[in-house]
Amino acid sequence: MDIELARAWVRAIGAAVERDRERLGELDAAIGDGDHGANMQRGFAAAVDAVGAMSPESVGAVLTKTGTTLVSKVGGASGPLYGSAFRAAGKRLAAERAETEEVGAALSAALEEVRRLGGAQAGDKTMVDAFAPAVDAFTRVAGSGGRLDEAARAAADAADEGLRATEPLQARKGRASYLGERSVGHLDPGAASTALVFRALAEAAGA
């Protein structure tokens, strides 16, 4: 991953969130307060502008700027979680170019930060249910010598599977957990936006 690919990833996320804003909002309305789509669209639109206006010296600088922008622009829990994830990844990528395994390590750091902040694990019906399998798939392909596009495609597919797996779960974290059994039968909106983030990476990488 080089600086321009990092920028392309952020742009691809912005486009995906804009395209799926209503769907994310509908998913959130079913088990939350309904503003996830609007919050994500606002945050990533601002991030696209921010990384487009900067002259970064590293891949990490792009991701760190993205994270800082999300923290300041996205409301609710999503801003701190996504923002901190991107900043954690950015801290691991201090060069102009990162090898696929280095990107995998950065994504692993991002996942650990999400877990630390939110206290969620796989099965809690949160973004972790898409994030964790995506990172596992990415690092597995990267560790076997796979290219970035191959690792990103595997991650995106795993995130989609993780999203689908949230439907029968009962939420144990976040606002949805207040619904108890009524949260069963709905996809988690955070997992849905996470799946968009990883699919955007695959698209940016040419997968």
C-alpha atoms as a PDB file:
ATOM      1  CA  MET A   1       0.000   0.000   0.000  1.00  0.00           C
ATOM      2  CA  ASP A   2       1.316   3.415  -0.940  1.00  0.00           C
ATOM      3  CA  ILE A   3       0.042   6.890  -0.085  1.00  0.00           C
ATOM      4  CA  GLU A   4      -2.227   7.169  -3.108  1.00  0.00           C
ATOM      5  CA  LEU A   5      -3.788   3.779  -2.439  1.00  0.00           C
ATOM      6  CA  ALA A   6      -4.467   4.836   1.148  1.00  0.00           C
ATOM      7  CA  ARG A   7      -6.218   7.930  -0.173  1.00  0.00           C
ATOM      8  CA  ALA A   8      -8.128   5.827  -2.693  1.00  0.00           C
ATOM      9  CA  TRP A   9      -9.306   3.585   0.144  1.00  0.00           C
ATOM     10  CA  VAL A  10     -10.718   6.554   2.044  1.00  0.00           C
ATOM     11  CA  ARG A  11     -12.426   7.838  -1.099  1.00  0.00           C
ATOM     12  CA  ALA A  12     -13.900   4.393  -1.757  1.00  0.00           C
ATOM     13  CA  ILE A  13     -15.263   4.228   1.790  1.00  0.00           C
ATOM     14  CA  GLY A  14     -16.778   7.674   1.350  1.00  0.00           C
ATOM     15  CA  ALA A  15     -18.496   6.607  -1.860  1.00  0.00           C
ATOM     16  CA  ALA A  16     -19.744   3.344  -0.329  1.00  0.00           C
ATOM     17  CA  VAL A  17     -21.150   5.029   2.756  1.00  0.00           C
ATOM     18  CA  GLU A  18     -22.831   7.682   0.634  1.00  0.00           C
ATOM     19  CA  ARG A  19     -24.381   4.965  -1.515  1.00  0.00           C
ATOM     20  CA  ASP A  20     -25.546   2.888   1.468  1.00  0.00           C
ATOM     21  CA  ARG A  21     -26.455   5.716   3.831  1.00  0.00           C
ATOM     22  CA  GLU A  22     -30.158   4.912   3.868  1.00  0.00           C
ATOM     23  CA  ARG A  23     -29.622   1.187   4.354  1.00  0.00           C
ATOM     24  CA  LEU A  24     -27.297   1.794   7.285  1.00  0.00           C
ATOM     25  CA  GLY A  25     -29.869   4.124   8.784  1.00  0.00           C
ATOM     26  CA  GLU A  26     -32.632   1.560   8.380  1.00  0.00           C
ATOM     27  CA  LEU A  27     -30.538  -1.147  10.010  1.00  0.00           C
ATOM     28  CA  ASP A  28     -29.785   1.182  12.901  1.00  0.00           C
ATOM     29  CA  ALA A  29     -33.413   2.260  13.244  1.00  0.00           C
ATOM     30  CA  ALA A  30     -34.376  -1.368  13.862  1.00  0.00           C
ATOM     31  CA  ILE A  31     -32.114  -1.803  16.909  1.00  0.00           C
ATOM     32  CA  GLY A  32     -30.646   1.644  17.615  1.00  0.00           C
ATOM     33  CA  ASP A  33     -31.420   5.307  17.116  1.00  0.00           C
ATOM     34  CA  GLY A  34     -31.321   5.342  13.326  1.00  0.00           C
ATOM     35  CA  ASP A  35     -28.495   7.812  12.762  1.00  0.00           C
ATOM     36  CA  HIS A  36     -25.624   5.469  11.850  1.00  0.00           C
ATOM     37  CA  GLY A  37     -25.906   6.071   8.117  1.00  0.00           C
ATOM     38  CA  ALA A  38     -26.020   9.844   8.452  1.00  0.00           C
ATOM     39  CA  ASN A  39     -23.158   9.882  10.949  1.00  0.00           C
ATOM     40  CA  MET A  40     -20.938   7.674   8.823  1.00  0.00           C
ATOM     41  CA  GLN A  41     -21.689   9.641   5.665  1.00  0.00           C
ATOM     42  CA  ARG A  42     -20.856  12.924   7.356  1.00  0.00           C
ATOM     43  CA  GLY A  43     -17.658  11.579   8.881  1.00  0.00           C
ATOM     44  CA  PHE A  44     -16.220   9.958   5.793  1.00  0.00           C
ATOM     45  CA  ALA A  45     -17.189  12.859   3.545  1.00  0.00           C
ATOM     46  CA  ALA A  46     -15.137  15.057   5.847  1.00  0.00           C
ATOM     47  CA  ALA A  47     -12.311  12.502   5.868  1.00  0.00           C
ATOM     48  CA  VAL A  48     -12.216  12.427   2.063  1.00  0.00           C
ATOM     49  CA  ASP A  49     -11.870  16.208   2.021  1.00  0.00           C
ATOM     50  CA  ALA A  50      -9.234  16.161   4.754  1.00  0.00           C
ATOM     51  CA  VAL A  51      -6.944  13.585   3.144  1.00  0.00           C
ATOM     52  CA  GLY A  52      -7.396  15.220  -0.236  1.00  0.00           C
ATOM     53  CA  ALA A  53      -6.158  18.543   1.123  1.00  0.00           C
ATOM     54  CA  MET A  54      -3.064  17.226   2.896  1.00  0.00           C
ATOM     55  CA  SER A  55       0.450  16.439   1.659  1.00  0.00           C
ATOM     56  CA  PRO A  56       1.157  13.241   3.595  1.00  0.00           C
ATOM     57  CA  GLU A  57       4.622  11.820   4.016  1.00  0.00           C
ATOM     58  CA  SER A  58       3.443   8.300   4.835  1.00  0.00           C
ATOM     59  CA  VAL A  59       0.590   5.848   4.467  1.00  0.00           C
ATOM     60  CA  GLY A  60       0.037   6.199   8.189  1.00  0.00           C
ATOM     61  CA  ALA A  61      -0.423   9.942   7.938  1.00  0.00           C
ATOM     62  CA  VAL A  62      -3.415   9.399   5.645  1.00  0.00           C
ATOM     63  CA  LEU A  63      -5.005   6.912   8.019  1.00  0.00           C
ATOM     64  CA  THR A  64      -4.256   9.015  11.087  1.00  0.00           C
ATOM     65  CA  LYS A  65      -5.845  12.085   9.501  1.00  0.00           C
ATOM     66  CA  THR A  66      -8.862   9.948   8.614  1.00  0.00           C
ATOM     67  CA  GLY A  67      -9.169   8.774  12.195  1.00  0.00           C
ATOM     68  CA  THR A  68      -8.798  12.230  13.697  1.00  0.00           C
ATOM     69  CA  THR A  69     -11.452  13.573  11.341  1.00  0.00           C
ATOM     70  CA  LEU A  70     -13.882  10.776  12.185  1.00  0.00           C
ATOM     71  CA  VAL A  71     -13.504  11.393  15.918  1.00  0.00           C
ATOM     72  CA  SER A  72     -14.393  15.050  15.430  1.00  0.00           C
ATOM     73  CA  LYS A  73     -17.203  14.603  12.907  1.00  0.00           C
ATOM     74  CA  VAL A  74     -19.038  11.348  13.716  1.00  0.00           C
ATOM     75  CA  GLY A  75     -21.500  11.255  16.574  1.00  0.00           C
ATOM     76  CA  GLY A  76     -22.349   8.423  18.945  1.00  0.00           C
ATOM     77  CA  ALA A  77     -20.052   5.481  19.535  1.00  0.00           C
ATOM     78  CA  SER A  78     -19.026   5.161  15.892  1.00  0.00           C
ATOM     79  CA  GLY A  79     -16.772   8.217  15.855  1.00  0.00           C
ATOM     80  CA  PRO A  80     -14.457   7.122  18.665  1.00  0.00           C
ATOM     81  CA  LEU A  81     -14.446   3.497  17.512  1.00  0.00           C
ATOM     82  CA  TYR A  82     -13.730   4.080  13.818  1.00  0.00           C
ATOM     83  CA  GLY A  83     -11.540   7.078  14.525  1.00  0.00           C
ATOM     84  CA  SER A  84      -9.395   5.240  17.027  1.00  0.00           C
ATOM     85  CA  ALA A  85      -9.181   2.230  14.709  1.00  0.00           C
ATOM     86  CA  PHE A  86      -7.808   4.303  11.840  1.00  0.00           C
ATOM     87  CA  ARG A  87      -5.399   6.135  14.128  1.00  0.00           C
ATOM     88  CA  ALA A  88      -4.136   2.859  15.585  1.00  0.00           C
ATOM     89  CA  ALA A  89      -3.548   1.538  12.072  1.00  0.00           C
ATOM     90  CA  GLY A  90      -1.862   4.772  11.063  1.00  0.00           C
ATOM     91  CA  LYS A  91       0.661   4.553  13.889  1.00  0.00           C
ATOM     92  CA  ARG A  92       1.921   1.266  12.446  1.00  0.00           C
ATOM     93  CA  LEU A  93       2.562   2.567   8.921  1.00  0.00           C
ATOM     94  CA  ALA A  94       5.197   5.267   9.076  1.00  0.00           C
ATOM     95  CA  ALA A  95       6.672   4.861   5.587  1.00  0.00           C
ATOM     96  CA  GLU A  96       5.618   5.946   2.105  1.00  0.00           C
ATOM     97  CA  ARG A  97       4.879   2.344   1.235  1.00  0.00           C
ATOM     98  CA  ALA A  98       3.743  -0.634   3.321  1.00  0.00           C
ATOM     99  CA  GLU A  99       4.021  -4.301   2.482  1.00  0.00           C
ATOM    100  CA  THR A 100       0.912  -6.453   2.731  1.00  0.00           C
ATOM    101  CA  GLU A 101       1.990  -8.064   6.005  1.00  0.00           C
ATOM    102  CA  GLU A 102       2.602  -4.618   7.476  1.00  0.00           C
ATOM    103  CA  VAL A 103      -0.916  -3.570   6.479  1.00  0.00           C
ATOM    104  CA  GLY A 104      -2.202  -6.725   8.164  1.00  0.00           C
ATOM    105  CA  ALA A 105      -0.383  -5.818  11.367  1.00  0.00           C
ATOM    106  CA  ALA A 106      -1.883  -2.334  11.201  1.00  0.00           C
ATOM    107  CA  LEU A 107      -5.380  -3.748  10.753  1.00  0.00           C
ATOM    108  CA  SER A 108      -4.782  -6.055  13.722  1.00  0.00           C
ATOM    109  CA  ALA A 109      -3.813  -3.032  15.813  1.00  0.00           C
ATOM    110  CA  ALA A 110      -7.001  -1.294  14.686  1.00  0.00           C
ATOM    111  CA  LEU A 111      -9.107  -4.269  15.751  1.00  0.00           C
ATOM    112  CA  GLU A 112      -7.465  -4.424  19.158  1.00  0.00           C
ATOM    113  CA  GLU A 113      -8.204  -0.740  19.690  1.00  0.00           C
ATOM    114  CA  VAL A 114     -11.867  -1.294  18.819  1.00  0.00           C
ATOM    115  CA  ARG A 115     -12.017  -4.181  21.262  1.00  0.00           C
ATOM    116  CA  ARG A 116     -10.304  -2.134  23.961  1.00  0.00           C
ATOM    117  CA  LEU A 117     -12.616   0.840  23.606  1.00  0.00           C
ATOM    118  CA  GLY A 118     -15.889  -0.992  23.142  1.00  0.00           C
ATOM    119  CA  GLY A 119     -15.223  -4.059  25.236  1.00  0.00           C
ATOM    120  CA  ALA A 120     -16.879  -6.225  22.584  1.00  0.00           C
ATOM    121  CA  GLN A 121     -15.886  -9.662  21.401  1.00  0.00           C
ATOM    122  CA  ALA A 122     -17.066 -11.791  18.511  1.00  0.00           C
ATOM    123  CA  GLY A 123     -20.651 -12.865  19.082  1.00  0.00           C
ATOM    124  CA  ASP A 124     -21.722  -9.674  20.863  1.00  0.00           C
ATOM    125  CA  LYS A 125     -23.476  -8.387  17.700  1.00  0.00           C
ATOM    126  CA  THR A 126     -21.230  -5.401  17.042  1.00  0.00           C
ATOM    127  CA  MET A 127     -18.781  -4.217  14.396  1.00  0.00           C
ATOM    128  CA  VAL A 128     -16.280  -6.699  15.855  1.00  0.00           C
ATOM    129  CA  ASP A 129     -18.285  -9.538  14.309  1.00  0.00           C
ATOM    130  CA  ALA A 130     -17.274  -8.273  10.865  1.00  0.00           C
ATOM    131  CA  PHE A 131     -13.937  -6.699  11.805  1.00  0.00           C
ATOM    132  CA  ALA A 132     -12.368  -9.737  13.479  1.00  0.00           C
ATOM    133  CA  PRO A 133     -12.943 -12.268  10.680  1.00  0.00           C
ATOM    134  CA  ALA A 134     -11.845  -9.667   8.130  1.00  0.00           C
ATOM    135  CA  VAL A 135      -8.533  -9.126   9.915  1.00  0.00           C
ATOM    136  CA  ASP A 136      -8.055 -12.868  10.377  1.00  0.00           C
ATOM    137  CA  ALA A 137      -8.597 -13.442   6.651  1.00  0.00           C
ATOM    138  CA  PHE A 138      -6.328 -10.572   5.638  1.00  0.00           C
ATOM    139  CA  THR A 139      -3.446 -11.650   7.864  1.00  0.00           C
ATOM    140  CA  ARG A 140      -3.804 -15.282   6.815  1.00  0.00           C
ATOM    141  CA  VAL A 141      -3.460 -14.421   3.119  1.00  0.00           C
ATOM    142  CA  ALA A 142      -0.707 -11.886   3.792  1.00  0.00           C
ATOM    143  CA  GLY A 143       1.193 -14.402   5.918  1.00  0.00           C
ATOM    144  CA  SER A 144       1.169 -16.914   3.100  1.00  0.00           C
ATOM    145  CA  GLY A 145       2.705 -14.417   0.683  1.00  0.00           C
ATOM    146  CA  GLY A 146      -0.514 -13.173  -0.897  1.00  0.00           C
ATOM    147  CA  ARG A 147      -0.776  -9.807  -2.630  1.00  0.00           C
ATOM    148  CA  LEU A 148      -2.629  -6.866  -1.116  1.00  0.00           C
ATOM    149  CA  ASP A 149      -5.569  -7.267  -3.486  1.00  0.00           C
ATOM    150  CA  GLU A 150      -5.878 -10.959  -2.592  1.00  0.00           C
ATOM    151  CA  ALA A 151      -5.730 -10.257   1.131  1.00  0.00           C
ATOM    152  CA  ALA A 152      -8.205  -7.395   0.827  1.00  0.00           C
ATOM    153  CA  ARG A 153     -10.659  -9.500  -1.159  1.00  0.00           C
ATOM    154  CA  ALA A 154     -10.480 -12.278   1.426  1.00  0.00           C
ATOM    155  CA  ALA A 155     -11.026  -9.726   4.190  1.00  0.00           C
ATOM    156  CA  ALA A 156     -14.038  -8.223   2.443  1.00  0.00           C
ATOM    157  CA  ASP A 157     -15.624 -11.624   1.907  1.00  0.00           C
ATOM    158  CA  ALA A 158     -15.025 -12.554   5.552  1.00  0.00           C
ATOM    159  CA  ALA A 159     -16.511  -9.253   6.735  1.00  0.00           C
ATOM    160  CA  ASP A 160     -19.629  -9.907   4.661  1.00  0.00           C
ATOM    161  CA  GLU A 161     -19.952 -13.356   6.216  1.00  0.00           C
ATOM    162  CA  GLY A 162     -19.470 -11.873   9.670  1.00  0.00           C
ATOM    163  CA  LEU A 163     -22.175  -9.309   8.980  1.00  0.00           C
ATOM    164  CA  ARG A 164     -24.658 -11.988   7.920  1.00  0.00           C
ATOM    165  CA  ALA A 165     -23.846 -13.965  11.049  1.00  0.00           C
ATOM    166  CA  THR A 166     -25.039 -11.101  13.277  1.00  0.00           C
ATOM    167  CA  GLU A 167     -28.685 -11.554  12.265  1.00  0.00           C
ATOM    168  CA  PRO A 168     -29.531 -14.421  14.654  1.00  0.00           C
ATOM    169  CA  LEU A 169     -27.456 -13.003  17.515  1.00  0.00           C
ATOM    170  CA  GLN A 170     -28.772 -11.219  20.583  1.00  0.00           C
ATOM    171  CA  ALA A 171     -26.930  -7.962  21.167  1.00  0.00           C
ATOM    172  CA  ARG A 172     -24.761  -7.868  24.274  1.00  0.00           C
ATOM    173  CA  LYS A 173     -23.132  -4.466  23.791  1.00  0.00           C
ATOM    174  CA  GLY A 174     -24.266  -0.978  22.874  1.00  0.00           C
ATOM    175  CA  ARG A 175     -27.734   0.489  22.559  1.00  0.00           C
ATOM    176  CA  ALA A 176     -29.071  -2.646  20.868  1.00  0.00           C
ATOM    177  CA  SER A 177     -28.340  -4.668  24.014  1.00  0.00           C
ATOM    178  CA  TYR A 178     -31.191  -2.844  25.766  1.00  0.00           C
ATOM    179  CA  LEU A 179     -33.627  -4.605  23.438  1.00  0.00           C
ATOM    180  CA  GLY A 180     -32.702  -8.061  24.701  1.00  0.00           C
ATOM    181  CA  GLU A 181     -34.293 -10.773  22.592  1.00  0.00           C
ATOM    182  CA  ARG A 182     -35.892  -8.160  20.330  1.00  0.00           C
ATOM    183  CA  SER A 183     -32.445  -7.524  18.828  1.00  0.00           C
ATOM    184  CA  VAL A 184     -32.498 -11.033  17.337  1.00  0.00           C
ATOM    185  CA  GLY A 185     -33.355 -11.170  13.639  1.00  0.00           C
ATOM    186  CA  HIS A 186     -31.645  -7.920  12.653  1.00  0.00           C
ATOM    187  CA  LEU A 187     -28.271  -7.272  11.063  1.00  0.00           C
ATOM    188  CA  ASP A 188     -25.930  -5.146  13.142  1.00  0.00           C
ATOM    189  CA  PRO A 189     -25.421  -1.695  11.579  1.00  0.00           C
ATOM    190  CA  GLY A 190     -21.837  -1.398  12.825  1.00  0.00           C
ATOM    191  CA  ALA A 191     -20.966  -4.717  11.247  1.00  0.00           C
ATOM    192  CA  ALA A 192     -22.639  -3.495   8.048  1.00  0.00           C
ATOM    193  CA  SER A 193     -20.503  -0.352   7.884  1.00  0.00           C
ATOM    194  CA  THR A 194     -17.395  -2.380   8.735  1.00  0.00           C
ATOM    195  CA  ALA A 195     -18.148  -4.650   5.792  1.00  0.00           C
ATOM    196  CA  LEU A 196     -18.313  -1.545   3.588  1.00  0.00           C
ATOM    197  CA  VAL A 197     -14.906  -0.402   4.861  1.00  0.00           C
ATOM    198  CA  PHE A 198     -13.257  -3.699   3.947  1.00  0.00           C
ATOM    199  CA  ARG A 199     -15.044  -3.995   0.593  1.00  0.00           C
ATOM    200  CA  ALA A 200     -13.818  -0.482  -0.184  1.00  0.00           C
ATOM    201  CA  LEU A 201     -10.259  -1.583   0.555  1.00  0.00           C
ATOM    202  CA  ALA A 202     -10.656  -4.474  -1.873  1.00  0.00           C
ATOM    203  CA  GLU A 203     -12.018  -2.142  -4.556  1.00  0.00           C
ATOM    204  CA  ALA A 204      -9.218   0.376  -4.035  1.00  0.00           C
ATOM    205  CA  ALA A 205      -6.646  -2.421  -4.268  1.00  0.00           C
ATOM    206  CA  GLY A 206      -8.135  -3.624  -7.540  1.00  0.00           C
ATOM    207  CA  ALA A 207      -9.572  -6.877  -6.188  1.00  0.00           C
END
